[in-house]
N, C-alpha and C. Protein backbone atom coordinates (compact mmCIF):
# COMPACT_ATOMS: atom_id res chain seq x y z
N MET A 1 56.19 162.50 121.31
CA MET A 1 55.16 163.41 120.88
C MET A 1 54.09 163.51 121.96
N ILE A 2 53.32 164.56 121.86
CA ILE A 2 52.11 164.70 122.67
C ILE A 2 50.95 164.89 121.70
N VAL A 3 49.86 164.18 121.96
CA VAL A 3 48.66 164.27 121.14
C VAL A 3 47.61 164.98 121.98
N ARG A 4 47.11 166.11 121.47
CA ARG A 4 46.22 166.98 122.25
C ARG A 4 44.93 167.27 121.50
N SER A 5 43.95 167.68 122.27
CA SER A 5 42.67 168.04 121.67
C SER A 5 42.72 169.46 121.12
N SER A 6 41.91 169.68 120.11
CA SER A 6 41.72 171.02 119.56
C SER A 6 40.26 171.12 119.12
N ALA A 7 39.36 170.97 120.10
CA ALA A 7 37.93 171.00 119.84
C ALA A 7 37.45 172.44 119.66
N LEU A 8 36.47 172.60 118.80
CA LEU A 8 35.96 173.94 118.50
C LEU A 8 35.35 174.63 119.72
N ASN A 9 34.72 173.86 120.61
CA ASN A 9 34.07 174.47 121.76
C ASN A 9 34.96 174.53 122.99
N LYS A 10 36.25 174.29 122.83
CA LYS A 10 37.17 174.24 123.96
C LYS A 10 37.33 175.61 124.62
N ASP A 11 37.61 176.61 123.83
CA ASP A 11 37.79 177.97 124.36
C ASP A 11 36.96 178.94 123.54
N THR A 12 36.22 179.78 124.23
CA THR A 12 35.42 180.81 123.58
C THR A 12 35.71 182.14 124.26
N LEU A 13 35.07 183.19 123.82
CA LEU A 13 35.24 184.49 124.47
C LEU A 13 34.72 184.47 125.90
N GLU A 14 33.75 183.60 126.18
CA GLU A 14 33.13 183.56 127.50
C GLU A 14 33.80 182.61 128.48
N ILE A 15 34.31 181.48 127.99
CA ILE A 15 34.86 180.47 128.90
C ILE A 15 36.10 179.81 128.31
N SER A 16 36.92 179.29 129.22
CA SER A 16 38.06 178.47 128.83
C SER A 16 37.85 177.08 129.42
N GLN A 17 38.04 176.07 128.63
CA GLN A 17 37.87 174.70 129.10
C GLN A 17 39.18 173.93 129.03
N ALA A 18 40.26 174.61 129.37
CA ALA A 18 41.58 173.96 129.35
C ALA A 18 41.56 172.72 130.23
N GLY A 19 42.06 171.62 129.72
CA GLY A 19 42.12 170.38 130.47
C GLY A 19 40.86 169.54 130.41
N LYS A 20 39.83 170.02 129.73
CA LYS A 20 38.57 169.28 129.67
C LYS A 20 38.71 167.99 128.86
N TYR A 21 39.47 168.04 127.79
CA TYR A 21 39.60 166.90 126.90
C TYR A 21 40.94 166.20 127.10
N GLU A 22 41.02 165.00 126.61
CA GLU A 22 42.19 164.15 126.79
C GLU A 22 43.43 164.69 126.07
N SER A 23 44.57 164.54 126.70
CA SER A 23 45.88 164.71 126.08
C SER A 23 46.69 163.46 126.40
N VAL A 24 47.46 162.99 125.45
CA VAL A 24 48.26 161.77 125.66
C VAL A 24 49.72 162.14 125.46
N THR A 25 50.53 161.92 126.48
CA THR A 25 51.94 162.28 126.43
C THR A 25 52.81 161.07 126.12
N ASP A 26 54.05 161.36 125.77
CA ASP A 26 55.07 160.33 125.52
C ASP A 26 54.60 159.29 124.49
N VAL A 27 54.15 159.77 123.35
CA VAL A 27 53.64 158.90 122.28
C VAL A 27 54.78 158.56 121.33
N PHE A 28 55.09 157.27 121.22
CA PHE A 28 56.14 156.80 120.33
C PHE A 28 55.62 155.60 119.56
N GLY A 29 55.80 155.58 118.25
CA GLY A 29 55.40 154.45 117.42
C GLY A 29 54.01 154.65 116.83
N ARG A 30 53.81 154.04 115.68
CA ARG A 30 52.56 154.20 114.93
C ARG A 30 51.34 153.68 115.69
N GLU A 31 51.44 152.47 116.24
CA GLU A 31 50.28 151.89 116.95
C GLU A 31 49.89 152.73 118.16
N VAL A 32 50.87 153.18 118.92
CA VAL A 32 50.60 154.01 120.10
C VAL A 32 50.01 155.35 119.66
N PHE A 33 50.51 155.89 118.55
CA PHE A 33 49.99 157.14 118.01
C PHE A 33 48.51 157.00 117.64
N GLU A 34 48.16 155.92 116.95
CA GLU A 34 46.77 155.71 116.54
C GLU A 34 45.85 155.57 117.75
N VAL A 35 46.29 154.87 118.78
CA VAL A 35 45.50 154.73 120.01
C VAL A 35 45.34 156.09 120.68
N ALA A 36 46.42 156.88 120.71
CA ALA A 36 46.36 158.21 121.33
C ALA A 36 45.36 159.11 120.61
N VAL A 37 45.38 159.11 119.29
CA VAL A 37 44.43 159.92 118.51
C VAL A 37 43.00 159.47 118.81
N ASP A 38 42.76 158.18 118.85
CA ASP A 38 41.42 157.66 119.16
C ASP A 38 40.97 158.09 120.55
N ARG A 39 41.88 158.06 121.54
CA ARG A 39 41.54 158.48 122.90
C ARG A 39 41.15 159.95 122.95
N VAL A 40 41.91 160.78 122.24
CA VAL A 40 41.60 162.22 122.23
C VAL A 40 40.24 162.46 121.58
N ILE A 41 40.00 161.85 120.44
CA ILE A 41 38.71 162.03 119.75
C ILE A 41 37.56 161.53 120.62
N ALA A 42 37.74 160.41 121.30
CA ALA A 42 36.69 159.85 122.16
C ALA A 42 36.38 160.77 123.34
N SER A 43 37.30 161.65 123.71
CA SER A 43 37.07 162.53 124.86
C SER A 43 36.20 163.74 124.52
N TYR A 44 35.98 164.00 123.23
CA TYR A 44 35.13 165.13 122.84
C TYR A 44 33.68 164.84 123.22
N ASP A 45 33.02 165.81 123.84
CA ASP A 45 31.63 165.60 124.24
C ASP A 45 30.65 165.95 123.12
N ILE A 46 31.12 166.62 122.10
CA ILE A 46 30.28 166.97 120.95
C ILE A 46 30.98 166.44 119.70
N GLU A 47 30.28 165.62 118.95
CA GLU A 47 30.84 165.07 117.72
C GLU A 47 30.70 166.11 116.62
N ASP A 48 31.83 166.62 116.15
CA ASP A 48 31.83 167.63 115.10
C ASP A 48 33.04 167.35 114.21
N GLU A 49 32.81 167.20 112.93
CA GLU A 49 33.91 166.87 112.02
C GLU A 49 34.95 167.98 111.93
N LYS A 50 34.63 169.17 112.45
CA LYS A 50 35.59 170.27 112.43
C LYS A 50 36.55 170.23 113.62
N ASN A 51 36.26 169.40 114.63
CA ASN A 51 37.19 169.22 115.74
C ASN A 51 38.49 168.63 115.20
N GLN A 52 39.58 169.00 115.81
CA GLN A 52 40.87 168.55 115.32
C GLN A 52 41.69 167.94 116.44
N VAL A 53 42.77 167.29 116.06
CA VAL A 53 43.74 166.74 117.00
C VAL A 53 45.07 167.41 116.70
N LEU A 54 45.72 167.88 117.74
CA LEU A 54 46.99 168.58 117.60
C LEU A 54 48.12 167.66 118.04
N VAL A 55 49.13 167.53 117.20
CA VAL A 55 50.29 166.69 117.52
C VAL A 55 51.51 167.59 117.60
N GLN A 56 52.22 167.50 118.73
CA GLN A 56 53.39 168.35 118.95
C GLN A 56 54.56 167.53 119.47
N PRO A 57 55.76 168.04 119.29
CA PRO A 57 56.90 167.37 119.93
C PRO A 57 56.78 167.50 121.45
N MET A 58 57.21 166.50 122.16
CA MET A 58 57.18 166.51 123.62
C MET A 58 58.46 167.18 124.11
N LEU A 59 58.32 168.31 124.77
CA LEU A 59 59.48 169.05 125.27
C LEU A 59 59.84 168.58 126.67
N GLU A 60 61.12 168.52 126.94
CA GLU A 60 61.60 168.14 128.26
C GLU A 60 62.54 169.21 128.77
N GLU A 61 62.65 169.29 130.07
CA GLU A 61 63.56 170.24 130.72
C GLU A 61 63.31 171.67 130.25
N VAL A 62 62.07 172.11 130.35
CA VAL A 62 61.69 173.46 129.96
C VAL A 62 61.46 174.27 131.23
N THR A 63 62.07 175.43 131.29
CA THR A 63 61.88 176.33 132.41
C THR A 63 60.99 177.48 131.98
N ILE A 64 59.96 177.75 132.78
CA ILE A 64 59.04 178.82 132.47
C ILE A 64 59.05 179.84 133.59
N MET A 65 59.16 181.11 133.24
CA MET A 65 59.11 182.17 134.24
C MET A 65 57.93 183.06 133.88
N CYS A 66 57.11 183.34 134.87
CA CYS A 66 55.93 184.17 134.64
C CYS A 66 56.02 185.40 135.51
N LEU A 67 55.96 186.56 134.92
CA LEU A 67 55.98 187.82 135.66
C LEU A 67 54.65 188.52 135.49
N THR A 68 54.14 189.05 136.56
CA THR A 68 52.89 189.78 136.48
C THR A 68 53.07 191.15 137.13
N ALA A 69 52.29 192.10 136.66
CA ALA A 69 52.32 193.44 137.25
C ALA A 69 51.08 193.60 138.11
N ILE A 70 51.26 194.19 139.25
CA ILE A 70 50.12 194.40 140.16
C ILE A 70 49.69 195.85 140.11
């Protein structure tokens, strides 16, 4: 799993703060999960009970192609 931040002030219409807060990768087991959640919460610079923690499966061997028009 990956444990990621989902803070309310992370992204707004004016700014993006991608990467500002902690993300913990390769989380396996209950104790490691609890430590990862604590690390993510501790990385928030504003204490707000509406901030959340996002838990997702850890993907491997993913290929991404990005096309842009000029």
